[in-house]
N, C-alpha and C. Protein backbone atom coordinates (compact mmCIF):
# COMPACT_ATOMS: atom_id res chain seq x y z
N MET A 1 171.50 128.05 -45.88
CA MET A 1 171.11 128.60 -44.54
C MET A 1 172.53 129.11 -43.95
N GLU A 2 172.56 130.15 -43.30
CA GLU A 2 173.69 130.65 -42.66
C GLU A 2 173.72 130.72 -41.16
N ILE A 3 174.82 130.16 -40.65
CA ILE A 3 174.82 129.98 -39.21
C ILE A 3 175.64 131.23 -38.55
N ILE A 4 174.97 131.91 -37.63
CA ILE A 4 175.55 132.99 -36.80
C ILE A 4 175.80 132.59 -35.55
N THR A 5 177.08 132.90 -35.02
CA THR A 5 177.37 132.56 -33.59
C THR A 5 177.63 133.86 -32.73
N MET A 6 177.22 133.79 -31.52
CA MET A 6 177.48 135.08 -30.65
C MET A 6 177.76 134.56 -29.21
N GLU A 7 178.34 135.47 -28.49
CA GLU A 7 178.71 135.27 -27.14
C GLU A 7 177.38 134.86 -26.20
N LYS A 8 177.49 134.17 -25.33
CA LYS A 8 176.42 133.81 -24.35
C LYS A 8 175.77 135.10 -23.65
N GLN A 9 176.68 136.12 -23.22
CA GLN A 9 176.17 137.25 -22.65
C GLN A 9 175.45 138.08 -23.60
N ALA A 10 176.00 138.27 -24.81
CA ALA A 10 175.29 138.91 -25.86
C ALA A 10 173.90 138.36 -26.00
N TYR A 11 173.79 137.15 -26.20
CA TYR A 11 172.51 136.51 -26.46
C TYR A 11 171.72 136.60 -25.36
N GLN A 12 172.08 136.57 -24.06
CA GLN A 12 171.11 136.80 -22.91
C GLN A 12 170.73 138.25 -22.94
N ARG A 13 171.43 139.07 -23.25
CA ARG A 13 171.00 140.66 -23.27
C ARG A 13 169.95 140.85 -24.43
N LEU A 14 170.13 140.12 -25.44
CA LEU A 14 169.16 140.20 -26.58
C LEU A 14 168.02 139.51 -26.09
N MET A 15 167.92 138.54 -25.52
CA MET A 15 166.75 137.90 -25.09
C MET A 15 166.09 138.70 -23.97
N GLU A 16 166.76 139.42 -23.15
CA GLU A 16 166.09 140.17 -22.22
C GLU A 16 165.43 141.53 -22.89
N LYS A 17 166.01 141.98 -23.99
CA LYS A 17 165.44 143.05 -24.52
C LYS A 17 164.02 142.54 -25.34
N ILE A 18 164.20 141.38 -26.04
CA ILE A 18 162.94 140.83 -26.54
C ILE A 18 161.88 140.59 -25.65
N ASP A 19 162.23 140.10 -24.48
CA ASP A 19 161.19 139.92 -23.43
C ASP A 19 160.60 141.26 -22.89
N HIS A 20 161.54 142.27 -22.91
CA HIS A 20 160.96 143.57 -22.51
C HIS A 20 160.03 144.28 -23.45
N ILE A 21 160.38 143.95 -24.76
CA ILE A 21 159.55 144.55 -25.88
C ILE A 21 158.13 143.70 -25.92
N TYR A 22 158.31 142.39 -25.63
CA TYR A 22 157.17 141.59 -25.64
C TYR A 22 156.10 141.99 -24.46
N GLU A 23 156.72 142.31 -23.28
CA GLU A 23 155.85 142.71 -22.14
C GLU A 23 155.12 144.08 -22.47
N GLY A 24 155.99 144.97 -23.22
CA GLY A 24 155.32 146.17 -23.54
C GLY A 24 154.20 146.16 -24.59
N ILE A 25 154.40 145.25 -25.57
CA ILE A 25 153.28 144.95 -26.49
C ILE A 25 152.22 144.26 -25.89
N LYS A 26 152.40 143.42 -25.08
CA LYS A 26 151.26 142.71 -24.28
C LYS A 26 150.52 143.73 -23.52
N GLY A 27 151.08 144.74 -22.82
CA GLY A 27 150.40 145.69 -22.11
C GLY A 27 149.61 146.63 -22.87
N LEU A 28 149.99 146.81 -24.28
CA LEU A 28 149.32 147.52 -25.12
C LEU A 28 148.11 146.91 -25.63
N GLN A 29 148.26 145.60 -25.72
CA GLN A 29 146.99 144.72 -26.15
C GLN A 29 145.92 144.67 -25.06
N ASP A 30 146.35 144.76 -23.88
CA ASP A 30 145.33 144.78 -22.54
C ASP A 30 145.57 145.81 -21.76
N PRO A 31 145.01 146.99 -22.08
CA PRO A 31 145.18 148.15 -21.27
C PRO A 31 144.76 147.87 -19.84
N ALA A 32 143.86 147.09 -19.55
CA ALA A 32 143.18 146.87 -18.17
C ALA A 32 144.37 146.38 -17.29
N SER A 33 145.14 145.63 -17.88
CA SER A 33 146.32 144.95 -17.19
C SER A 33 147.34 146.11 -16.76
N GLN A 34 147.49 147.13 -17.57
CA GLN A 34 148.28 148.21 -17.16
C GLN A 34 147.79 149.00 -15.96
N ILE A 35 146.46 149.13 -15.93
CA ILE A 35 145.77 149.88 -14.74
C ILE A 35 145.95 149.13 -13.54
N GLU A 36 145.85 147.75 -13.60
CA GLU A 36 145.96 146.87 -12.55
C GLU A 36 147.29 146.94 -11.84
N ARG A 37 148.45 147.18 -12.63
CA ARG A 37 149.71 146.99 -12.12
C ARG A 37 150.07 148.32 -11.49
N GLN A 38 149.23 149.41 -11.62
CA GLN A 38 149.40 150.69 -10.88
C GLN A 38 149.12 150.70 -9.40
N TRP A 39 148.30 149.65 -9.05
CA TRP A 39 147.94 149.70 -7.74
C TRP A 39 148.29 148.25 -7.12
N CYS A 40 148.51 148.41 -5.69
CA CYS A 40 148.83 146.88 -5.00
C CYS A 40 147.96 146.92 -3.63
N THR A 41 147.73 145.74 -3.23
CA THR A 41 147.15 145.65 -1.97
C THR A 41 148.01 145.95 -0.82
N THR A 42 147.42 145.88 0.38
CA THR A 42 148.24 146.24 1.61
C THR A 42 149.44 145.23 1.72
N ALA A 43 149.12 143.82 1.54
CA ALA A 43 150.02 142.80 1.66
C ALA A 43 151.08 142.93 0.63
N GLU A 44 150.68 143.42 -0.55
CA GLU A 44 151.90 143.59 -1.76
C GLU A 44 152.58 144.83 -1.43
N ALA A 45 151.95 145.73 -0.98
CA ALA A 45 152.82 146.94 -0.64
C ALA A 45 153.76 146.79 0.47
N ALA A 46 153.26 146.09 1.51
CA ALA A 46 154.25 145.71 2.61
C ALA A 46 155.30 144.98 2.13
N ALA A 47 155.08 143.85 1.32
CA ALA A 47 156.04 143.03 0.70
C ALA A 47 157.16 143.79 -0.14
N ILE A 48 156.61 144.69 -1.04
CA ILE A 48 157.44 145.46 -1.78
C ILE A 48 158.55 146.31 -0.93
N MET A 49 157.95 146.79 0.19
CA MET A 49 158.72 147.81 1.11
C MET A 49 159.62 146.90 2.07
N GLY A 50 159.37 145.70 2.24
CA GLY A 50 160.02 144.99 3.14
C GLY A 50 159.84 145.21 4.60
N ILE A 51 158.43 145.54 4.91
CA ILE A 51 157.99 145.93 6.13
C ILE A 51 156.81 144.87 6.37
N ASN A 52 156.28 145.00 7.78
CA ASN A 52 155.14 144.16 7.97
C ASN A 52 153.83 145.05 7.84
N GLU A 53 152.77 144.52 7.77
CA GLU A 53 151.56 145.06 7.41
C GLU A 53 151.18 146.09 8.64
N ARG A 54 151.39 145.87 9.82
CA ARG A 54 151.22 146.80 10.81
C ARG A 54 151.96 147.96 10.82
N THR A 55 153.31 147.92 10.19
CA THR A 55 153.86 149.22 9.94
C THR A 55 153.40 150.04 8.96
N LEU A 56 152.80 149.25 7.89
CA LEU A 56 152.26 150.02 6.77
C LEU A 56 150.85 150.65 7.31
N TYR A 57 150.22 149.98 8.29
CA TYR A 57 149.04 150.54 8.90
C TYR A 57 149.24 151.91 9.61
N ARG A 58 150.61 151.88 10.25
CA ARG A 58 151.01 153.07 10.97
C ARG A 58 151.43 154.23 10.09
N TYR A 59 151.94 153.89 8.80
CA TYR A 59 152.25 154.74 7.80
C TYR A 59 151.02 155.57 7.35
N ARG A 60 149.90 154.50 7.22
CA ARG A 60 148.60 155.22 6.87
C ARG A 60 148.09 155.99 7.92
N GLN A 61 148.19 155.73 9.21
CA GLN A 61 147.44 156.67 10.23
C GLN A 61 148.39 157.88 10.33
N ARG A 62 149.58 157.81 10.02
CA ARG A 62 150.46 159.13 10.04
C ARG A 62 150.40 160.01 8.71
N GLY A 63 149.73 159.51 7.75
CA GLY A 63 149.51 160.16 6.51
C GLY A 63 150.73 159.96 5.59
N ILE A 64 151.64 159.15 6.02
CA ILE A 64 152.92 158.90 5.15
C ILE A 64 152.53 158.27 3.78
N LEU A 65 151.49 157.45 3.80
CA LEU A 65 151.19 156.76 2.54
C LEU A 65 149.62 156.60 2.57
N GLU A 66 149.07 157.27 1.62
CA GLU A 66 147.51 157.42 1.56
C GLU A 66 146.98 156.21 0.58
N PRO A 67 146.15 155.35 1.08
CA PRO A 67 145.58 154.30 0.21
C PRO A 67 144.26 154.84 -0.43
N LYS A 68 143.85 154.25 -1.39
CA LYS A 68 142.43 154.35 -1.92
C LYS A 68 141.58 153.28 -1.52
N LYS A 69 140.45 153.58 -0.94
CA LYS A 69 139.63 152.37 -0.41
C LYS A 69 138.65 151.92 -1.55
N VAL A 70 138.49 150.67 -1.84
CA VAL A 70 137.65 150.24 -2.66
C VAL A 70 136.87 149.09 -2.07
N GLY A 71 135.63 149.44 -1.66
CA GLY A 71 134.84 148.53 -0.68
C GLY A 71 135.52 148.42 0.47
N ASN A 72 135.95 147.28 0.98
CA ASN A 72 136.66 147.36 2.52
C ASN A 72 138.03 146.89 2.35
N LYS A 73 138.71 147.23 1.08
CA LYS A 73 139.98 146.94 0.78
C LYS A 73 140.70 148.26 0.53
N ASN A 74 141.94 148.26 0.96
CA ASN A 74 142.82 149.43 0.74
C ASN A 74 143.82 149.07 -0.30
N PHE A 75 144.07 150.13 -1.53
CA PHE A 75 144.87 149.87 -2.36
C PHE A 75 145.80 151.04 -2.52
N PHE A 76 147.29 150.78 -2.70
CA PHE A 76 148.30 151.84 -2.75
C PHE A 76 148.76 151.90 -4.20
N HIS A 77 149.07 153.12 -4.47
CA HIS A 77 149.67 153.43 -5.79
C HIS A 77 151.03 152.93 -5.82
N VAL A 78 151.41 152.09 -6.88
CA VAL A 78 152.66 151.39 -6.76
C VAL A 78 153.87 152.52 -6.72
N GLU A 79 153.68 153.62 -7.59
CA GLU A 79 154.66 154.70 -7.76
C GLU A 79 154.77 155.28 -6.32
N ALA A 80 153.72 155.66 -5.54
CA ALA A 80 153.89 156.23 -4.19
C ALA A 80 154.72 155.24 -3.22
N VAL A 81 154.63 153.97 -3.38
CA VAL A 81 155.25 153.03 -2.57
C VAL A 81 156.60 153.06 -2.98
N ASN A 82 156.93 152.98 -4.21
CA ASN A 82 158.47 153.11 -4.68
C ASN A 82 158.99 154.40 -4.36
N LYS A 83 158.35 155.36 -4.39
CA LYS A 83 158.91 156.91 -4.10
C LYS A 83 159.20 156.73 -2.44
N LEU A 84 158.38 156.07 -1.57
CA LEU A 84 158.53 156.00 -0.04
C LEU A 84 159.96 155.13 0.04
N ILE A 85 160.14 154.09 -0.66
CA ILE A 85 161.20 153.21 -0.56
C ILE A 85 162.40 154.09 -0.70
N GLY A 86 162.44 154.88 -1.72
CA GLY A 86 163.64 155.91 -2.16
C GLY A 86 163.82 156.87 -1.03
N LEU A 87 163.03 157.22 -0.17
CA LEU A 87 163.18 158.19 0.87
C LEU A 87 163.65 157.56 2.12
N ARG A 88 163.55 156.30 2.38
CA ARG A 88 164.03 155.62 3.57
C ARG A 88 165.62 155.58 3.51
N PRO A 89 166.32 155.84 4.67
CA PRO A 89 167.65 155.66 4.62
C PRO A 89 168.13 154.27 4.55
N ASP A 90 169.18 153.94 4.02
CA ASP A 90 169.81 152.61 4.06
C ASP A 90 170.59 152.30 5.50
N PHE A 91 169.85 151.41 6.31
CA PHE A 91 170.38 151.14 7.45
C PHE A 91 171.58 150.08 7.54
N SER A 92 172.02 149.67 6.26
CA SER A 92 173.11 148.71 6.33
C SER A 92 174.40 149.42 6.81
N ASN A 93 174.52 150.67 6.77
CA ASN A 93 175.75 151.34 7.22
C ASN A 93 175.63 151.91 8.58
N TYR A 94 174.60 151.42 9.37
CA TYR A 94 174.41 151.84 10.62
C TYR A 94 175.53 151.47 11.59
N ASN A 95 175.89 152.40 12.37
CA ASN A 95 176.98 152.07 13.43
C ASN A 95 176.46 152.29 14.74
N PRO A 96 176.22 151.14 15.46
CA PRO A 96 175.52 151.24 16.82
C PRO A 96 176.39 152.10 17.83
N ILE A 97 177.62 152.11 17.67
CA ILE A 97 178.56 152.85 18.58
C ILE A 97 178.23 154.40 18.47
N THR A 98 178.30 154.75 17.24
CA THR A 98 178.16 156.28 17.17
C THR A 98 176.74 156.64 16.83
N LYS A 99 175.92 155.60 16.73
CA LYS A 99 174.49 155.69 16.57
C LYS A 99 174.21 156.68 15.35
N SER A 100 174.87 156.40 14.14
CA SER A 100 174.68 157.28 12.96
C SER A 100 174.74 156.24 11.80
N ILE A 101 174.11 156.81 10.81
CA ILE A 101 174.15 156.25 9.52
C ILE A 101 175.16 157.02 8.56
N ASP A 102 175.98 156.39 7.84
CA ASP A 102 176.90 157.12 7.06
C ASP A 102 175.90 157.97 6.05
N GLY A 103 176.27 159.21 5.83
CA GLY A 103 175.65 160.10 4.96
C GLY A 103 174.41 160.80 5.74
N PHE A 104 173.96 160.25 6.81
CA PHE A 104 172.85 160.86 7.57
C PHE A 104 173.19 161.19 9.03
N LYS A 105 174.36 161.91 9.20
CA LYS A 105 174.94 162.24 10.58
C LYS A 105 174.36 163.43 10.95
């Protein structure tokens, strides 16, 4: 038997890749789980976006994010939620004195 040694970081990257491949294969074995992950509830969408459910309700009213209604529950397409996150400016650079955001003057 031959012993192979490797750096800890290389081992961790290898394990991450193996986990990623495993998740992909698992999704192929159960296509229903793939469909399920494409949609999220109001609470999940709000958590993903880091906003409160009332804000998400206002987004719905203004047509910013359209849900699909199933029974009495709203479901949001995960891709649309992620796209909306990308459109929001980053307020971490907000300067209250000039009332501007770097890059959005």
